[in-house]
């Protein structure tokens, strides 16, 4: 059985997906290389919307790793990496019914930084979340890496002044499409929540910093995505010059980039990324291919108080996992046996400065802990939890709407519990898709219990308030209590979670000038 819905551009044919209907690969725009997106052209007849659309060209090896590796297990089931194309402005919709009922709409912005990923992996299939919450779930693809963030304004002039933010302009166009069309799919355009993890959380923060996104969404959720600093125009211009060098183009040959095959651009972008990263690993940015400051598009860094005040009435839910980097470092051969000196050397390499004092602080707090976990705890806090807390408190100080802070404390039992609560563990839980990644979450009943709590809470927040029967009352974050919801088999509210760590890093940073 299929279903046909008429939307902007023409009619689309979807099909059942579990207990709901799915419409996949619907064009919301048309991409032109290094230029702003346009609305998608109309199509004749009924467009088949039963298969995912094209993915932005990218480092496919990184986006679709070896299935035998841990990352391959986490993101197993990616059906779209073999369908790559620059005209990738497509979205997918899961809805209980294409009727007149105005359901909450949740628009997922995928992870992978601003350089990789797609909106069509099995771990983010919206079927179960849609059915569970009587909600409309949307995922999408947009331009990434060099295709979404190559700034050609220095070479090409005013026509390309905003090219460093084309990937973000794609997202604005997608949200405009949702506003204008989601009613036909049973959704409420007046109740849209944007949410995302890692780079997707960064995209949510970017949307909260873009005047063009005003009135396109009404709530926001940031999961492990503390995107604090955008690229400056100077950095973006230097990145462009580096890319031209990788292509063996002179400074006056910039227009040749329009004729370069996509894969050659991807290869050059990876080489550029390697050269441009430098010490920008834990500075609140997400690499050289990311949004850039632009007075018309992104006037301030996402961590700037002026950005917090730009959308003062948007409620925010924001948080991290407890052990963000345990997956990244937990598979090192010497992870379980490394010495404290080894751990200190890795911390110094990643941060670009000695971390002996900080590592000693972590050791004093947890004297029985293995050095590998002290190292991942320190780096995870510094790279994710600390900037997330800064964003939380900045938002509370400069916006009117409530902010709800959380930590995922539940630890996955796989690999003998070695990974604890790593980056991305929240995705299958809040999407209620634990069955898609048993090698990541395990096969016992605990994962489903945590998934019940997280998915119900995400849905409740999309309806207006995160409180629901699966968790205790969740108070909004305040400077007085600093309340955090810690999701676990039995979730609980903890005031001033990790307070000693927060105070340590606050004191350490007090004497440093602001990077914003």
Protein backbone atom coordinates (compact mmCIF):
# COMPACT_ATOMS: atom_id res chain seq x y z
CA UNK A 1 0.00 0.00 0.00
CA UNK A 2 1.28 3.47 -0.86
CA UNK A 3 0.21 7.00 0.03
CA UNK A 4 0.24 10.09 -2.20
CA UNK A 5 0.64 13.62 -0.84
CA UNK A 6 0.75 16.88 -2.77
CA UNK A 7 3.44 19.31 -1.70
CA UNK A 8 5.43 22.17 -3.17
CA UNK A 9 6.84 20.88 -6.46
CA UNK A 10 4.25 18.20 -7.07
CA UNK A 11 2.86 14.94 -5.74
CA UNK A 12 4.97 12.35 -3.88
CA UNK A 13 4.31 8.69 -3.23
CA UNK A 14 5.37 7.23 0.11
CA UNK A 15 4.97 3.81 1.69
CA UNK A 16 4.39 2.20 5.11
CA UNK A 17 7.41 1.99 7.42
CA UNK A 18 6.53 0.05 10.55
CA UNK A 19 3.41 1.64 11.99
CA UNK A 20 3.81 4.93 10.11
CA UNK A 21 4.22 6.30 6.59
CA UNK A 22 7.60 7.24 5.16
CA UNK A 23 8.31 9.69 2.35
CA UNK A 24 11.97 9.70 1.33
CA UNK A 25 14.20 11.72 -0.96
CA UNK A 26 11.85 14.68 -1.43
CA UNK A 27 13.71 17.64 -2.99
CA UNK A 28 13.47 20.76 -0.85
CA UNK A 29 15.93 22.72 -2.97
CA UNK A 30 18.39 22.65 -5.84
CA UNK A 31 22.12 23.02 -5.28
CA UNK A 32 24.46 24.96 -7.53
CA UNK A 33 28.15 24.52 -6.84
CA UNK A 34 29.41 27.24 -4.45
CA UNK A 35 26.24 29.29 -4.86
CA UNK A 36 23.21 29.75 -2.58
CA UNK A 37 20.48 27.11 -2.87
CA UNK A 38 17.33 27.63 -4.90
CA UNK A 39 13.89 26.13 -4.53
CA UNK A 40 13.52 22.72 -6.14
CA UNK A 41 11.95 22.74 -9.60
CA UNK A 42 8.49 21.22 -9.98
CA UNK A 43 8.14 17.69 -11.29
CA UNK A 44 5.35 16.18 -13.42
CA UNK A 45 3.05 13.42 -12.28
CA UNK A 46 3.73 11.57 -9.02
CA UNK A 47 7.31 11.41 -7.77
CA UNK A 48 8.35 8.14 -6.14
CA UNK A 49 9.42 8.93 -2.55
CA UNK A 50 10.16 5.41 -1.34
CA UNK A 51 13.96 5.56 -1.52
CA UNK A 52 16.52 7.91 0.00
CA UNK A 53 18.03 10.62 -2.15
CA UNK A 54 21.65 11.53 -2.90
CA UNK A 55 24.25 12.30 -0.23
CA UNK A 56 26.69 15.19 -0.48
CA UNK A 57 30.11 14.07 -1.82
CA UNK A 58 32.43 13.41 1.11
CA UNK A 59 35.07 11.14 2.58
CA UNK A 60 32.97 8.00 2.19
CA UNK A 61 35.53 5.84 3.98
CA UNK A 62 35.18 7.96 7.12
CA UNK A 63 31.40 8.20 6.76
CA UNK A 64 30.92 4.50 6.11
CA UNK A 65 33.72 2.73 8.01
CA UNK A 66 34.62 -0.95 7.94
CA UNK A 67 31.60 -2.87 9.35
CA UNK A 68 33.95 -4.90 11.55
CA UNK A 69 35.19 -1.74 13.30
CA UNK A 70 33.43 -0.19 16.25
CA UNK A 71 32.39 2.87 14.26
CA UNK A 72 31.13 0.57 11.54
CA UNK A 73 28.93 -1.19 14.08
CA UNK A 74 27.60 2.07 15.48
CA UNK A 75 26.63 3.46 12.09
CA UNK A 76 25.83 0.18 10.40
CA UNK A 77 23.07 0.11 7.82
CA UNK A 78 23.83 3.28 5.88
CA UNK A 79 21.93 2.76 2.63
CA UNK A 80 22.87 5.99 0.92
CA UNK A 81 26.63 6.31 0.72
CA UNK A 82 26.61 4.62 -2.67
CA UNK A 83 24.25 7.33 -3.98
CA UNK A 84 26.37 10.46 -3.93
CA UNK A 85 25.70 13.69 -5.81
CA UNK A 86 26.07 17.42 -5.43
CA UNK A 87 22.35 18.04 -5.93
CA UNK A 88 21.68 16.53 -2.52
CA UNK A 89 19.06 18.86 -1.05
CA UNK A 90 16.51 16.20 -0.10
CA UNK A 91 14.56 15.34 3.03
CA UNK A 92 12.75 12.36 4.51
CA UNK A 93 9.49 12.36 6.49
CA UNK A 94 7.95 9.79 8.83
CA UNK A 95 4.35 10.50 9.87
CA UNK A 96 1.53 8.51 11.51
CA UNK A 97 -0.85 9.84 8.84
CA UNK A 98 -0.95 12.43 6.07
CA UNK A 99 -4.07 14.03 7.51
CA UNK A 100 -5.23 17.34 8.97
CA UNK A 101 -4.00 16.58 12.49
CA UNK A 102 -1.30 19.04 13.53
CA UNK A 103 1.38 16.93 15.19
CA UNK A 104 4.67 18.11 16.69
CA UNK A 105 7.43 18.21 14.07
CA UNK A 106 11.01 17.19 14.88
CA UNK A 107 13.69 18.02 12.30
CA UNK A 108 16.95 16.09 12.77
CA UNK A 109 20.23 17.66 11.65
CA UNK A 110 22.75 14.86 11.19
CA UNK A 111 26.21 14.60 12.71
CA UNK A 112 29.61 14.21 11.12
CA UNK A 113 30.83 17.72 11.86
CA UNK A 114 30.08 19.99 8.95
CA UNK A 115 32.01 17.73 6.60
CA UNK A 116 30.46 14.25 6.66
CA UNK A 117 27.31 12.26 7.29
CA UNK A 118 23.76 12.05 5.94
CA UNK A 119 20.15 11.90 7.07
CA UNK A 120 19.42 8.34 6.00
CA UNK A 121 21.23 5.91 8.32
CA UNK A 122 19.23 3.17 10.04
CA UNK A 123 20.16 4.47 13.49
CA UNK A 124 18.10 7.62 12.80
CA UNK A 125 15.18 5.94 11.06
CA UNK A 126 12.19 7.92 12.30
CA UNK A 127 9.58 5.14 12.25
CA UNK A 128 9.58 4.19 15.93
CA UNK A 129 9.90 7.73 17.28
CA UNK A 130 7.08 8.91 15.03
CA UNK A 131 4.77 6.10 16.08
CA UNK A 132 5.69 6.37 19.75
CA UNK A 133 4.98 10.08 20.03
CA UNK A 134 2.37 10.65 17.33
CA UNK A 135 4.90 13.06 15.85
CA UNK A 136 6.28 13.92 12.43
CA UNK A 137 10.02 13.21 12.12
CA UNK A 138 12.14 14.82 9.39
CA UNK A 139 15.75 14.06 8.45
CA UNK A 140 17.65 15.66 5.59
CA UNK A 141 20.81 15.97 3.51
CA UNK A 142 22.58 19.22 2.70
CA UNK A 143 25.91 20.44 1.38
CA UNK A 144 28.96 19.65 3.49
CA UNK A 145 32.74 20.19 3.54
CA UNK A 146 34.10 22.07 0.52
CA UNK A 147 30.68 22.04 -1.19
CA UNK A 148 28.98 23.73 1.74
CA UNK A 149 31.73 25.86 3.23
CA UNK A 150 34.31 26.96 0.65
CA UNK A 151 34.57 30.73 0.92
CA UNK A 152 35.28 32.22 -2.50
CA UNK A 153 34.44 35.80 -1.62
CA UNK A 154 38.08 36.88 -1.47
CA UNK A 155 38.69 35.67 -5.03
CA UNK A 156 35.25 35.87 -6.62
CA UNK A 157 33.86 39.01 -5.06
CA UNK A 158 30.37 39.87 -3.86
CA UNK A 159 28.63 37.07 -5.79
CA UNK A 160 30.36 34.56 -3.50
CA UNK A 161 30.37 36.62 -0.31
CA UNK A 162 28.19 34.06 1.48
CA UNK A 163 29.61 30.89 -0.08
CA UNK A 164 31.29 29.91 3.19
CA UNK A 165 27.82 29.38 4.65
CA UNK A 166 26.02 27.67 1.78
CA UNK A 167 25.55 24.52 3.85
CA UNK A 168 23.72 26.56 6.49
CA UNK A 169 21.64 28.36 3.88
CA UNK A 170 20.58 24.89 2.71
CA UNK A 171 19.25 24.20 6.21
CA UNK A 172 17.34 27.48 6.25
CA UNK A 173 15.73 26.52 2.94
CA UNK A 174 14.87 23.07 4.34
CA UNK A 175 13.15 24.64 7.35
CA UNK A 176 11.27 26.99 5.06
CA UNK A 177 10.08 23.94 3.09
CA UNK A 178 8.92 22.32 6.33
CA UNK A 179 7.05 25.48 7.29
CA UNK A 180 5.29 25.63 3.92
CA UNK A 181 4.59 21.91 3.37
CA UNK A 182 4.54 19.88 6.58
CA UNK A 183 0.80 20.43 7.15
CA UNK A 184 0.11 18.13 4.20
CA UNK A 185 2.00 15.39 6.06
CA UNK A 186 0.04 15.77 9.29
CA UNK A 187 2.51 18.13 11.01
CA UNK A 188 2.17 21.49 12.74
CA UNK A 189 4.38 24.19 11.17
CA UNK A 190 3.85 26.22 14.34
CA UNK A 191 5.51 23.56 16.52
CA UNK A 192 8.89 22.61 15.03
CA UNK A 193 11.81 21.31 17.10
CA UNK A 194 15.27 21.12 15.57
CA UNK A 195 17.63 18.60 17.12
CA UNK A 196 20.98 17.05 16.35
CA UNK A 197 24.00 15.24 17.78
CA UNK A 198 27.70 16.12 17.46
CA UNK A 199 28.01 18.15 14.25
CA UNK A 200 24.21 18.11 14.14
CA UNK A 201 24.15 19.77 17.55
CA UNK A 202 26.58 22.31 16.13
CA UNK A 203 24.16 22.94 13.29
CA UNK A 204 21.37 23.56 15.79
CA UNK A 205 23.57 26.15 17.53
CA UNK A 206 24.36 27.70 14.15
CA UNK A 207 20.61 27.97 13.42
CA UNK A 208 20.20 29.68 16.80
CA UNK A 209 22.76 32.24 15.61
CA UNK A 210 21.29 32.99 12.17
CA UNK A 211 18.71 35.79 11.76
CA UNK A 212 17.39 34.11 8.58
CA UNK A 213 16.18 31.16 10.68
CA UNK A 214 13.83 33.33 12.74
CA UNK A 215 10.30 31.89 13.10
CA UNK A 216 11.31 28.64 11.36
CA UNK A 217 11.59 26.57 14.57
CA UNK A 218 10.24 26.83 18.10
CA UNK A 219 12.42 24.52 20.24
CA UNK A 220 15.97 23.24 19.99
CA UNK A 221 17.96 20.26 21.27
CA UNK A 222 21.77 20.12 21.21
CA UNK A 223 23.31 16.69 21.82
CA UNK A 224 27.10 16.52 22.29
CA UNK A 225 27.56 19.39 19.86
CA UNK A 226 29.23 22.33 21.62
CA UNK A 227 29.95 24.45 18.55
CA UNK A 228 31.17 27.65 20.19
CA UNK A 229 33.38 29.27 17.56
CA UNK A 230 32.73 29.76 13.85
CA UNK A 231 35.52 30.43 11.37
CA UNK A 232 36.57 34.00 10.85
CA UNK A 233 36.52 35.38 7.33
CA UNK A 234 40.33 35.44 7.43
CA UNK A 235 40.54 31.77 8.36
CA UNK A 236 37.99 30.85 5.70
CA UNK A 237 39.95 32.79 3.06
CA UNK A 238 43.18 31.05 4.11
CA UNK A 239 41.41 27.70 3.85
CA UNK A 240 40.30 28.57 0.31
CA UNK A 241 43.84 29.51 -0.68
CA UNK A 242 45.10 26.22 0.74
CA UNK A 243 42.51 24.30 -1.26
CA UNK A 244 43.51 26.08 -4.47
CA UNK A 245 47.09 25.09 -3.75
CA UNK A 246 46.07 21.46 -3.31
CA UNK A 247 44.42 21.66 -6.74
CA UNK A 248 47.59 23.20 -8.23
CA UNK A 249 45.64 26.35 -9.09
CA UNK A 250 47.08 29.84 -8.87
CA UNK A 251 45.22 32.59 -7.04
CA UNK A 252 43.68 33.80 -10.29
CA UNK A 253 42.46 30.31 -11.24
CA UNK A 254 39.73 30.10 -8.61
CA UNK A 255 36.96 29.83 -11.22
CA UNK A 256 38.42 26.50 -12.36
CA UNK A 257 36.97 24.98 -9.19
CA UNK A 258 33.60 24.91 -10.95
CA UNK A 259 34.91 22.35 -13.44
CA UNK A 260 36.83 20.10 -11.05
CA UNK A 261 35.31 16.61 -10.65
CA UNK A 262 33.60 16.18 -7.30
CA UNK A 263 35.94 13.44 -6.09
CA UNK A 264 39.00 15.56 -6.81
CA UNK A 265 37.46 18.33 -4.73
CA UNK A 266 36.81 15.87 -1.90
CA UNK A 267 40.42 14.67 -2.00
CA UNK A 268 41.71 18.26 -1.99
CA UNK A 269 39.37 19.17 0.86
CA UNK A 270 40.76 16.33 2.99
CA UNK A 271 44.33 17.46 2.34
CA UNK A 272 43.31 21.03 3.18
CA UNK A 273 41.61 19.87 6.36
CA UNK A 274 44.79 18.08 7.47
CA UNK A 275 46.89 21.21 6.92
CA UNK A 276 44.44 23.67 8.47
CA UNK A 277 43.52 21.86 11.67
CA UNK A 278 46.65 22.75 13.63
CA UNK A 279 45.84 23.12 17.31
CA UNK A 280 42.12 23.81 16.71
CA UNK A 281 41.05 20.48 18.19
CA UNK A 282 39.44 21.64 21.43
CA UNK A 283 38.85 25.32 20.78
CA UNK A 284 35.08 25.09 20.39
CA UNK A 285 35.20 24.89 16.59
CA UNK A 286 34.51 21.90 14.33
CA UNK A 287 37.28 22.07 11.75
CA UNK A 288 38.10 24.18 8.74
CA UNK A 289 34.92 23.16 6.89
CA UNK A 290 32.33 24.83 9.07
CA UNK A 291 30.24 28.02 9.10
CA UNK A 292 32.03 31.36 9.02
CA UNK A 293 31.25 34.73 10.53
CA UNK A 294 29.21 36.81 8.10
CA UNK A 295 27.37 39.94 9.13
CA UNK A 296 24.37 38.98 6.98
CA UNK A 297 24.20 35.23 7.66
CA UNK A 298 26.05 34.39 10.89
CA UNK A 299 26.87 37.68 12.60
CA UNK A 300 28.32 36.24 15.84
CA UNK A 301 29.95 33.09 17.16
CA UNK A 302 27.36 30.63 18.56
CA UNK A 303 28.95 31.05 22.00
CA UNK A 304 28.75 34.84 21.89
CA UNK A 305 26.17 36.41 24.26
CA UNK A 306 24.75 38.27 21.28
CA UNK A 307 23.86 34.94 19.67
CA UNK A 308 22.19 33.72 22.87
CA UNK A 309 20.04 36.85 22.82
CA UNK A 310 19.11 36.50 19.15
CA UNK A 311 16.38 33.88 19.78
CA UNK A 312 15.51 34.60 23.43
CA UNK A 313 12.19 32.73 23.43
CA UNK A 314 13.39 29.37 22.07
CA UNK A 315 13.48 26.69 24.83
CA UNK A 316 16.69 24.66 24.71
CA UNK A 317 17.59 21.16 25.83
CA UNK A 318 21.35 20.57 25.83
CA UNK A 319 23.73 17.91 27.10
CA UNK A 320 26.43 15.31 26.55
CA UNK A 321 27.24 11.71 27.30
CA UNK A 322 29.22 11.00 30.46
CA UNK A 323 32.27 9.56 28.67
CA UNK A 324 32.32 11.39 25.34
CA UNK A 325 35.75 10.25 24.13
CA UNK A 326 35.79 6.70 25.46
CA UNK A 327 34.94 5.40 21.99
CA UNK A 328 37.57 7.49 20.26
CA UNK A 329 40.41 6.36 22.51
CA UNK A 330 38.96 3.21 24.06
CA UNK A 331 39.96 1.05 21.13
CA UNK A 332 43.67 1.98 21.38
CA UNK A 333 45.72 -1.19 21.90
CA UNK A 334 47.30 0.20 25.07
CA UNK A 335 44.19 1.92 26.42
CA UNK A 336 43.83 -0.40 29.40
CA UNK A 337 47.54 -0.52 30.22
CA UNK A 338 48.85 2.98 29.48
CA UNK A 339 50.76 4.80 32.20
CA UNK A 340 49.90 8.17 33.65
CA UNK A 341 52.83 9.57 31.65
CA UNK A 342 51.35 8.13 28.45
CA UNK A 343 47.99 9.67 29.31
CA UNK A 344 49.63 13.04 29.95
CA UNK A 345 51.45 12.92 26.63
CA UNK A 346 48.17 12.30 24.75
CA UNK A 347 46.46 15.13 26.63
CA UNK A 348 49.30 17.51 25.73
CA UNK A 349 49.27 16.39 22.10
CA UNK A 350 45.53 16.94 21.76
CA UNK A 351 45.31 20.25 23.62
CA UNK A 352 48.63 21.73 22.51
CA UNK A 353 49.67 22.57 26.07
CA UNK A 354 50.89 20.73 29.21
CA UNK A 355 48.07 19.12 31.15
CA UNK A 356 50.02 17.80 34.15
CA UNK A 357 48.13 19.93 36.69
CA UNK A 358 44.75 19.00 35.22
CA UNK A 359 45.61 15.31 35.02
CA UNK A 360 46.77 15.39 38.64
CA UNK A 361 43.43 16.95 39.60
CA UNK A 362 41.54 14.14 37.84
CA UNK A 363 43.79 11.54 39.47
CA UNK A 364 43.16 13.02 42.93
CA UNK A 365 39.40 12.85 42.37
CA UNK A 366 39.51 9.26 41.17
CA UNK A 367 42.68 7.68 42.60
CA UNK A 368 41.67 4.13 41.59
CA UNK A 369 40.88 5.04 37.99
CA UNK A 370 43.05 3.76 35.15
CA UNK A 371 45.08 6.46 33.35
CA UNK A 372 43.27 5.79 30.05
CA UNK A 373 39.95 6.80 31.58
CA UNK A 374 41.52 9.78 33.35
CA UNK A 375 42.77 10.91 29.94
CA UNK A 376 39.42 10.43 28.17
CA UNK A 377 37.60 12.03 31.08
CA UNK A 378 39.82 15.11 30.98
CA UNK A 379 39.69 15.51 27.20
CA UNK A 380 35.98 14.73 27.03
CA UNK A 381 35.21 17.30 29.69
CA UNK A 382 37.42 19.93 28.09
CA UNK A 383 36.15 19.28 24.56
CA UNK A 384 32.46 18.65 25.21
CA UNK A 385 31.14 18.96 28.75
CA UNK A 386 32.82 22.25 29.74
CA UNK A 387 31.80 24.18 26.60
CA UNK A 388 28.31 22.68 26.88
CA UNK A 389 28.07 24.07 30.41
CA UNK A 390 29.33 27.43 29.16
CA UNK A 391 26.65 27.42 26.48
CA UNK A 392 24.04 26.40 29.05
CA UNK A 393 24.92 29.19 31.47
CA UNK A 394 25.31 31.72 28.66
CA UNK A 395 21.87 30.88 27.37
CA UNK A 396 20.35 31.16 30.85
CA UNK A 397 21.99 34.55 31.32
CA UNK A 398 21.03 36.07 27.97
CA UNK A 399 17.74 34.43 26.92
CA UNK A 400 14.27 34.25 28.46
CA UNK A 401 13.17 30.72 27.57
CA UNK A 402 14.03 27.77 29.86
CA UNK A 403 17.17 25.68 29.38
CA UNK A 404 17.25 22.01 30.35
CA UNK A 405 20.66 20.39 30.85
CA UNK A 406 21.23 16.63 30.79
CA UNK A 407 23.95 13.99 30.93
CA UNK A 408 23.62 10.44 29.58
CA UNK A 409 25.05 8.38 32.44
CA UNK A 410 24.02 4.88 31.33
CA UNK A 411 26.98 2.74 30.27
CA UNK A 412 26.76 0.32 27.38
CA UNK A 413 27.72 -3.24 28.36
CA UNK A 414 29.43 -4.06 25.04
CA UNK A 415 33.17 -4.80 24.98
CA UNK A 416 33.00 -5.68 28.66
CA UNK A 417 31.81 -2.16 29.49
CA UNK A 418 35.00 -0.65 28.12
CA UNK A 419 33.25 2.19 26.31
CA UNK A 420 31.13 3.30 29.27
CA UNK A 421 28.86 6.13 27.97
CA UNK A 422 30.55 7.25 24.75
CA UNK A 423 29.83 9.83 22.07
CA UNK A 424 26.79 8.92 19.93
CA UNK A 425 25.32 6.47 22.45
CA UNK A 426 22.38 8.83 22.85
CA UNK A 427 21.31 8.52 19.20
CA UNK A 428 19.80 5.00 19.16
CA UNK A 429 18.35 5.59 22.63
CA UNK A 430 16.43 8.79 21.91
CA UNK A 431 15.37 7.54 18.46
CA UNK A 432 14.14 4.33 20.17
CA UNK A 433 16.25 2.34 17.72
CA UNK A 434 18.32 0.15 20.05
CA UNK A 435 17.43 -2.89 17.95
CA UNK A 436 19.42 -1.52 15.02
CA UNK A 437 22.77 -1.46 16.84
CA UNK A 438 22.93 -4.35 19.37
CA UNK A 439 26.74 -4.40 19.07
CA UNK A 440 26.74 -0.84 20.39
CA UNK A 441 24.05 -0.89 23.08
CA UNK A 442 23.90 -4.61 23.96
CA UNK A 443 20.89 -6.89 23.88
CA UNK A 444 19.60 -6.83 27.46
CA UNK A 445 16.52 -4.97 28.77
CA UNK A 446 18.51 -2.03 30.17
CA UNK A 447 19.06 -0.33 26.84
CA UNK A 448 15.35 -0.33 26.09
CA UNK A 449 14.53 1.09 29.52
CA UNK A 450 16.90 4.00 28.92
CA UNK A 451 15.54 4.36 25.38
CA UNK A 452 12.02 4.55 26.80
CA UNK A 453 13.05 7.42 29.07
CA UNK A 454 15.04 9.36 26.50
CA UNK A 455 12.65 8.99 23.57
CA UNK A 456 9.65 9.90 25.73
CA UNK A 457 11.51 12.92 27.09
CA UNK A 458 12.57 14.16 23.64
CA UNK A 459 8.97 13.81 22.46
CA UNK A 460 7.60 15.53 25.57
CA UNK A 461 9.98 18.44 25.04
CA UNK A 462 8.79 18.71 21.44
CA UNK A 463 5.24 18.94 22.77
CA UNK A 464 6.22 21.75 25.15
CA UNK A 465 7.69 20.37 28.41
CA UNK A 466 10.20 17.54 28.98
CA UNK A 467 8.38 16.19 32.04
CA UNK A 468 6.81 12.77 31.49
CA UNK A 469 6.15 9.60 33.55
CA UNK A 470 9.49 7.95 32.67
CA UNK A 471 11.61 10.53 34.55
CA UNK A 472 11.35 12.58 37.75
CA UNK A 473 10.37 16.24 37.48
CA UNK A 474 13.07 18.04 35.49
CA UNK A 475 13.59 21.63 36.66
CA UNK A 476 15.01 24.16 34.25
CA UNK A 477 18.67 25.03 34.73
CA UNK A 478 19.35 27.97 37.03
CA UNK A 479 22.51 29.54 38.48
CA UNK A 480 21.21 28.70 41.95
CA UNK A 481 20.68 24.92 41.52
CA UNK A 482 22.46 24.02 38.27
CA UNK A 483 20.08 21.06 37.86
CA UNK A 484 20.92 18.31 35.38
CA UNK A 485 18.90 15.26 34.37
CA UNK A 486 21.15 12.18 34.43
CA UNK A 487 19.62 9.54 32.17
CA UNK A 488 20.16 5.98 33.35
CA UNK A 489 18.15 2.84 34.05
CA UNK A 490 16.76 4.96 36.86
CA UNK A 491 17.14 8.59 35.84
CA UNK A 492 17.66 11.28 38.46
CA UNK A 493 18.08 15.02 38.83
CA UNK A 494 21.50 16.02 40.15
CA UNK A 495 22.27 19.56 41.26
CA UNK A 496 25.68 20.94 40.22
CA UNK A 497 26.65 17.73 38.47
CA UNK A 498 30.46 17.46 38.29
CA UNK A 499 30.65 20.67 40.29
CA UNK A 500 34.30 20.27 41.33
CA UNK A 501 35.31 19.77 37.69
CA UNK A 502 33.29 22.80 36.62
CA UNK A 503 34.97 24.93 39.28
CA UNK A 504 38.45 23.64 38.34
CA UNK A 505 38.14 24.55 34.67
CA UNK A 506 36.41 27.86 35.47
CA UNK A 507 39.34 28.85 37.71
CA UNK A 508 41.86 27.73 35.12
CA UNK A 509 40.17 29.77 32.39
CA UNK A 510 39.50 32.85 34.53
CA UNK A 511 42.79 34.48 33.69
CA UNK A 512 42.68 33.79 29.95
CA UNK A 513 41.32 36.30 27.42
CA UNK A 514 38.09 35.34 25.68
CA UNK A 515 38.50 33.67 22.29
CA UNK A 516 35.14 35.02 21.09
